[in-house]
């Protein structure tokens, strides 16, 4: 009995030591977003527009397929988060594994996931890595495209696909 009690006590102490080091997703993403803003790595809408047209920049969307299908920037590439390192390599490297797009802007809805993924991309050796939130893009009346179809979304736009704008932009 004493051995069980000692083992249980050690287990509880060990668990609390590791739990004290745990950083929640919200804490981590909030901290990283603040660091990116302070370091000047939070892209502006104008920088995103230029990057979408530039040969040495890649705008990378790390949202889920469902989020991407609902709305994304025309010209951005979706790599998701499951294997984002491999996904971005497909778009940023040539056949000889040389960087042809050494600069990235990483996008997600609020820049939380983007701030976490940006850390990985920086460690991969990209020259510049900035983050951006799709909410700002939409709120500033920039168009998004959708992948939904009439067959999958019966309440859709009756085959009127292309650029869409936030409702407040139509006034």
C-alpha atoms as a PDB file:
ATOM      1  CA  UNK A   1       0.000   0.000   0.000  1.00  0.00           C
ATOM      2  CA  UNK A   2       2.778   2.429   0.858  1.00  0.00           C
ATOM      3  CA  UNK A   3       4.460   1.678  -2.457  1.00  0.00           C
ATOM      4  CA  UNK A   4       1.234   2.522  -4.328  1.00  0.00           C
ATOM      5  CA  UNK A   5       0.891   5.774  -2.391  1.00  0.00           C
ATOM      6  CA  UNK A   6       4.505   6.731  -3.113  1.00  0.00           C
ATOM      7  CA  UNK A   7       4.104   5.933  -6.827  1.00  0.00           C
ATOM      8  CA  UNK A   8       0.883   7.927  -6.985  1.00  0.00           C
ATOM      9  CA  UNK A   9       2.531  10.894  -5.244  1.00  0.00           C
ATOM     10  CA  UNK A  10       5.494  10.766  -7.659  1.00  0.00           C
ATOM     11  CA  UNK A  11       3.122  10.590 -10.602  1.00  0.00           C
ATOM     12  CA  UNK A  12       1.173  13.626  -9.381  1.00  0.00           C
ATOM     13  CA  UNK A  13       4.352  15.625  -8.765  1.00  0.00           C
ATOM     14  CA  UNK A  14       5.780  14.650 -12.172  1.00  0.00           C
ATOM     15  CA  UNK A  15       2.536  15.554 -13.922  1.00  0.00           C
ATOM     16  CA  UNK A  16       2.335  18.943 -12.253  1.00  0.00           C
ATOM     17  CA  UNK A  17       5.950  19.711 -13.238  1.00  0.00           C
ATOM     18  CA  UNK A  18       5.189  19.046 -16.915  1.00  0.00           C
ATOM     19  CA  UNK A  19       1.816  20.793 -16.735  1.00  0.00           C
ATOM     20  CA  UNK A  20       3.534  23.918 -15.466  1.00  0.00           C
ATOM     21  CA  UNK A  21       5.543  24.115 -18.706  1.00  0.00           C
ATOM     22  CA  UNK A  22       2.564  23.637 -21.004  1.00  0.00           C
ATOM     23  CA  UNK A  23       1.591  26.692 -23.051  1.00  0.00           C
ATOM     24  CA  UNK A  24      -1.912  26.697 -24.470  1.00  0.00           C
ATOM     25  CA  UNK A  25      -2.591  27.300 -28.152  1.00  0.00           C
ATOM     26  CA  UNK A  26      -4.185  30.653 -27.354  1.00  0.00           C
ATOM     27  CA  UNK A  27      -1.247  31.774 -25.203  1.00  0.00           C
ATOM     28  CA  UNK A  28       1.287  30.687 -27.824  1.00  0.00           C
ATOM     29  CA  UNK A  29      -0.482  32.228 -30.812  1.00  0.00           C
ATOM     30  CA  UNK A  30      -1.169  35.471 -28.934  1.00  0.00           C
ATOM     31  CA  UNK A  31       2.477  35.733 -27.892  1.00  0.00           C
ATOM     32  CA  UNK A  32       3.762  34.983 -31.407  1.00  0.00           C
ATOM     33  CA  UNK A  33       1.334  37.442 -33.046  1.00  0.00           C
ATOM     34  CA  UNK A  34       2.535  40.169 -30.686  1.00  0.00           C
ATOM     35  CA  UNK A  35       6.177  39.309 -31.438  1.00  0.00           C
ATOM     36  CA  UNK A  36       5.491  39.435 -35.192  1.00  0.00           C
ATOM     37  CA  UNK A  37       3.826  42.839 -34.880  1.00  0.00           C
ATOM     38  CA  UNK A  38       6.684  44.191 -32.775  1.00  0.00           C
ATOM     39  CA  UNK A  39       9.282  42.863 -35.240  1.00  0.00           C
ATOM     40  CA  UNK A  40       7.453  44.326 -38.256  1.00  0.00           C
ATOM     41  CA  UNK A  41       6.469  40.884 -39.539  1.00  0.00           C
ATOM     42  CA  UNK A  42       2.721  41.520 -39.661  1.00  0.00           C
ATOM     43  CA  UNK A  43       2.017  42.251 -43.315  1.00  0.00           C
ATOM     44  CA  UNK A  44      -0.177  45.093 -44.458  1.00  0.00           C
ATOM     45  CA  UNK A  45      -2.885  44.631 -47.047  1.00  0.00           C
ATOM     46  CA  UNK A  46      -0.776  46.527 -49.574  1.00  0.00           C
ATOM     47  CA  UNK A  47       2.162  44.187 -48.940  1.00  0.00           C
ATOM     48  CA  UNK A  48      -0.118  41.196 -49.522  1.00  0.00           C
ATOM     49  CA  UNK A  49      -1.395  42.676 -52.795  1.00  0.00           C
ATOM     50  CA  UNK A  50       2.178  43.224 -53.983  1.00  0.00           C
ATOM     51  CA  UNK A  51       3.235  39.733 -52.854  1.00  0.00           C
ATOM     52  CA  UNK A  52       0.385  38.129 -54.801  1.00  0.00           C
ATOM     53  CA  UNK A  53       1.884  39.631 -57.980  1.00  0.00           C
ATOM     54  CA  UNK A  54       5.596  39.312 -57.154  1.00  0.00           C
ATOM     55  CA  UNK A  55       7.804  36.521 -58.466  1.00  0.00           C
ATOM     56  CA  UNK A  56       9.859  36.212 -55.273  1.00  0.00           C
ATOM     57  CA  UNK A  57       6.934  36.106 -52.812  1.00  0.00           C
ATOM     58  CA  UNK A  58       4.464  33.358 -52.016  1.00  0.00           C
ATOM     59  CA  UNK A  59       1.202  33.904 -50.141  1.00  0.00           C
ATOM     60  CA  UNK A  60       0.554  30.693 -48.211  1.00  0.00           C
ATOM     61  CA  UNK A  61      -2.818  29.884 -46.641  1.00  0.00           C
ATOM     62  CA  UNK A  62      -2.616  27.424 -43.723  1.00  0.00           C
ATOM     63  CA  UNK A  63      -6.349  27.067 -43.093  1.00  0.00           C
ATOM     64  CA  UNK A  64      -8.413  23.905 -43.435  1.00  0.00           C
ATOM     65  CA  UNK A  65      -9.784  22.783 -46.796  1.00  0.00           C
ATOM     66  CA  UNK A  66     -13.286  23.798 -45.683  1.00  0.00           C
ATOM     67  CA  UNK A  67     -12.139  27.306 -44.775  1.00  0.00           C
ATOM     68  CA  UNK A  68     -10.202  27.591 -48.032  1.00  0.00           C
ATOM     69  CA  UNK A  69     -13.220  26.424 -50.038  1.00  0.00           C
ATOM     70  CA  UNK A  70     -15.443  29.008 -48.391  1.00  0.00           C
ATOM     71  CA  UNK A  71     -13.185  31.974 -49.179  1.00  0.00           C
ATOM     72  CA  UNK A  72      -9.578  32.592 -50.134  1.00  0.00           C
ATOM     73  CA  UNK A  73      -7.422  35.171 -51.868  1.00  0.00           C
ATOM     74  CA  UNK A  74      -6.988  34.673 -55.584  1.00  0.00           C
ATOM     75  CA  UNK A  75      -3.327  33.832 -56.162  1.00  0.00           C
ATOM     76  CA  UNK A  76      -2.660  32.385 -52.699  1.00  0.00           C
ATOM     77  CA  UNK A  77      -1.735  28.713 -52.311  1.00  0.00           C
ATOM     78  CA  UNK A  78      -3.201  26.426 -49.672  1.00  0.00           C
ATOM     79  CA  UNK A  79      -0.778  24.200 -47.832  1.00  0.00           C
ATOM     80  CA  UNK A  80      -2.799  23.442 -44.704  1.00  0.00           C
ATOM     81  CA  UNK A  81      -1.142  22.668 -41.382  1.00  0.00           C
ATOM     82  CA  UNK A  82      -0.858  18.889 -41.531  1.00  0.00           C
ATOM     83  CA  UNK A  83       2.346  18.911 -43.576  1.00  0.00           C
ATOM     84  CA  UNK A  84       2.845  22.577 -44.298  1.00  0.00           C
ATOM     85  CA  UNK A  85       6.606  22.180 -44.709  1.00  0.00           C
ATOM     86  CA  UNK A  86       6.120  19.764 -47.591  1.00  0.00           C
ATOM     87  CA  UNK A  87       3.298  21.794 -49.082  1.00  0.00           C
ATOM     88  CA  UNK A  88       5.223  25.046 -49.161  1.00  0.00           C
ATOM     89  CA  UNK A  89       8.253  23.284 -50.656  1.00  0.00           C
ATOM     90  CA  UNK A  90       6.133  22.279 -53.671  1.00  0.00           C
ATOM     91  CA  UNK A  91       5.486  25.938 -54.461  1.00  0.00           C
ATOM     92  CA  UNK A  92       8.706  27.610 -53.295  1.00  0.00           C
ATOM     93  CA  UNK A  93      11.432  25.273 -54.614  1.00  0.00           C
ATOM     94  CA  UNK A  94      12.521  24.429 -58.139  1.00  0.00           C
ATOM     95  CA  UNK A  95      13.409  20.928 -59.366  1.00  0.00           C
ATOM     96  CA  UNK A  96      16.895  21.290 -57.863  1.00  0.00           C
ATOM     97  CA  UNK A  97      15.521  22.208 -54.420  1.00  0.00           C
ATOM     98  CA  UNK A  98      16.603  25.838 -54.749  1.00  0.00           C
ATOM     99  CA  UNK A  99      14.372  28.585 -53.379  1.00  0.00           C
ATOM    100  CA  UNK A 100      12.631  30.407 -56.196  1.00  0.00           C
ATOM    101  CA  UNK A 101      10.214  32.158 -53.819  1.00  0.00           C
ATOM    102  CA  UNK A 102      12.327  33.001 -50.765  1.00  0.00           C
ATOM    103  CA  UNK A 103       9.701  35.248 -49.132  1.00  0.00           C
ATOM    104  CA  UNK A 104       6.387  34.213 -47.600  1.00  0.00           C
ATOM    105  CA  UNK A 105       3.256  35.770 -46.240  1.00  0.00           C
ATOM    106  CA  UNK A 106       1.432  33.177 -44.143  1.00  0.00           C
ATOM    107  CA  UNK A 107      -2.340  33.643 -43.941  1.00  0.00           C
ATOM    108  CA  UNK A 108      -5.134  32.269 -41.798  1.00  0.00           C
ATOM    109  CA  UNK A 109      -8.392  33.733 -40.504  1.00  0.00           C
ATOM    110  CA  UNK A 110      -7.003  35.647 -37.513  1.00  0.00           C
ATOM    111  CA  UNK A 111      -3.215  35.161 -37.989  1.00  0.00           C
ATOM    112  CA  UNK A 112      -3.096  32.812 -34.964  1.00  0.00           C
ATOM    113  CA  UNK A 113      -2.243  29.648 -36.924  1.00  0.00           C
ATOM    114  CA  UNK A 114      -0.167  31.725 -39.324  1.00  0.00           C
ATOM    115  CA  UNK A 115       2.005  32.977 -36.470  1.00  0.00           C
ATOM    116  CA  UNK A 116       2.738  29.421 -35.357  1.00  0.00           C
ATOM    117  CA  UNK A 117       3.445  28.137 -38.870  1.00  0.00           C
ATOM    118  CA  UNK A 118       5.642  31.152 -39.620  1.00  0.00           C
ATOM    119  CA  UNK A 119       8.084  29.882 -36.986  1.00  0.00           C
ATOM    120  CA  UNK A 120       8.515  26.637 -38.923  1.00  0.00           C
ATOM    121  CA  UNK A 121       8.985  28.433 -42.242  1.00  0.00           C
ATOM    122  CA  UNK A 122      11.634  30.714 -40.747  1.00  0.00           C
ATOM    123  CA  UNK A 123      13.525  27.672 -39.506  1.00  0.00           C
ATOM    124  CA  UNK A 124      13.337  26.221 -43.025  1.00  0.00           C
ATOM    125  CA  UNK A 125      15.436  29.133 -44.279  1.00  0.00           C
ATOM    126  CA  UNK A 126      13.002  31.506 -45.985  1.00  0.00           C
ATOM    127  CA  UNK A 127      14.413  35.044 -46.226  1.00  0.00           C
ATOM    128  CA  UNK A 128      11.325  36.935 -45.070  1.00  0.00           C
ATOM    129  CA  UNK A 129       8.266  35.444 -43.414  1.00  0.00           C
ATOM    130  CA  UNK A 130       5.324  37.658 -42.520  1.00  0.00           C
ATOM    131  CA  UNK A 131       1.858  36.854 -41.227  1.00  0.00           C
ATOM    132  CA  UNK A 132      -1.556  38.222 -42.195  1.00  0.00           C
ATOM    133  CA  UNK A 133      -5.202  37.661 -41.297  1.00  0.00           C
ATOM    134  CA  UNK A 134      -7.889  37.052 -43.890  1.00  0.00           C
ATOM    135  CA  UNK A 135     -10.383  39.009 -41.770  1.00  0.00           C
ATOM    136  CA  UNK A 136      -8.510  42.242 -42.564  1.00  0.00           C
ATOM    137  CA  UNK A 137      -8.473  41.390 -46.270  1.00  0.00           C
ATOM    138  CA  UNK A 138     -12.243  40.911 -46.287  1.00  0.00           C
ATOM    139  CA  UNK A 139     -13.016  43.869 -44.016  1.00  0.00           C
ATOM    140  CA  UNK A 140     -11.009  46.179 -46.281  1.00  0.00           C
ATOM    141  CA  UNK A 141     -13.294  45.226 -49.198  1.00  0.00           C
ATOM    142  CA  UNK A 142     -10.858  43.019 -51.081  1.00  0.00           C
ATOM    143  CA  UNK A 143     -12.360  40.139 -53.079  1.00  0.00           C
ATOM    144  CA  UNK A 144     -12.292  36.489 -52.116  1.00  0.00           C
ATOM    145  CA  UNK A 145     -13.019  33.491 -54.300  1.00  0.00           C
ATOM    146  CA  UNK A 146     -14.907  30.379 -53.332  1.00  0.00           C
ATOM    147  CA  UNK A 147     -14.730  26.716 -54.285  1.00  0.00           C
ATOM    148  CA  UNK A 148     -18.350  25.911 -53.451  1.00  0.00           C
ATOM    149  CA  UNK A 149     -20.606  24.758 -56.235  1.00  0.00           C
ATOM    150  CA  UNK A 150     -24.341  24.669 -56.729  1.00  0.00           C
ATOM    151  CA  UNK A 151     -24.248  20.872 -56.433  1.00  0.00           C
ATOM    152  CA  UNK A 152     -22.578  20.952 -53.017  1.00  0.00           C
ATOM    153  CA  UNK A 153     -24.172  24.130 -51.705  1.00  0.00           C
ATOM    154  CA  UNK A 154     -27.823  24.381 -52.752  1.00  0.00           C
ATOM    155  CA  UNK A 155     -28.111  27.833 -51.204  1.00  0.00           C
ATOM    156  CA  UNK A 156     -25.271  29.158 -53.330  1.00  0.00           C
ATOM    157  CA  UNK A 157     -25.163  31.900 -55.890  1.00  0.00           C
ATOM    158  CA  UNK A 158     -26.723  30.045 -58.869  1.00  0.00           C
ATOM    159  CA  UNK A 159     -23.503  29.526 -60.819  1.00  0.00           C
ATOM    160  CA  UNK A 160     -22.339  33.106 -60.176  1.00  0.00           C
ATOM    161  CA  UNK A 161     -18.840  32.249 -59.035  1.00  0.00           C
ATOM    162  CA  UNK A 162     -15.833  34.487 -59.065  1.00  0.00           C
ATOM    163  CA  UNK A 163     -14.958  37.393 -56.788  1.00  0.00           C
ATOM    164  CA  UNK A 164     -17.088  38.034 -53.736  1.00  0.00           C
ATOM    165  CA  UNK A 165     -17.011  40.972 -51.351  1.00  0.00           C
ATOM    166  CA  UNK A 166     -18.142  41.479 -47.778  1.00  0.00           C
ATOM    167  CA  UNK A 167     -21.730  42.674 -47.468  1.00  0.00           C
ATOM    168  CA  UNK A 168     -20.678  46.090 -46.108  1.00  0.00           C
ATOM    169  CA  UNK A 169     -18.620  46.674 -49.265  1.00  0.00           C
ATOM    170  CA  UNK A 170     -21.640  46.537 -51.560  1.00  0.00           C
ATOM    171  CA  UNK A 171     -23.055  49.858 -50.367  1.00  0.00           C
END
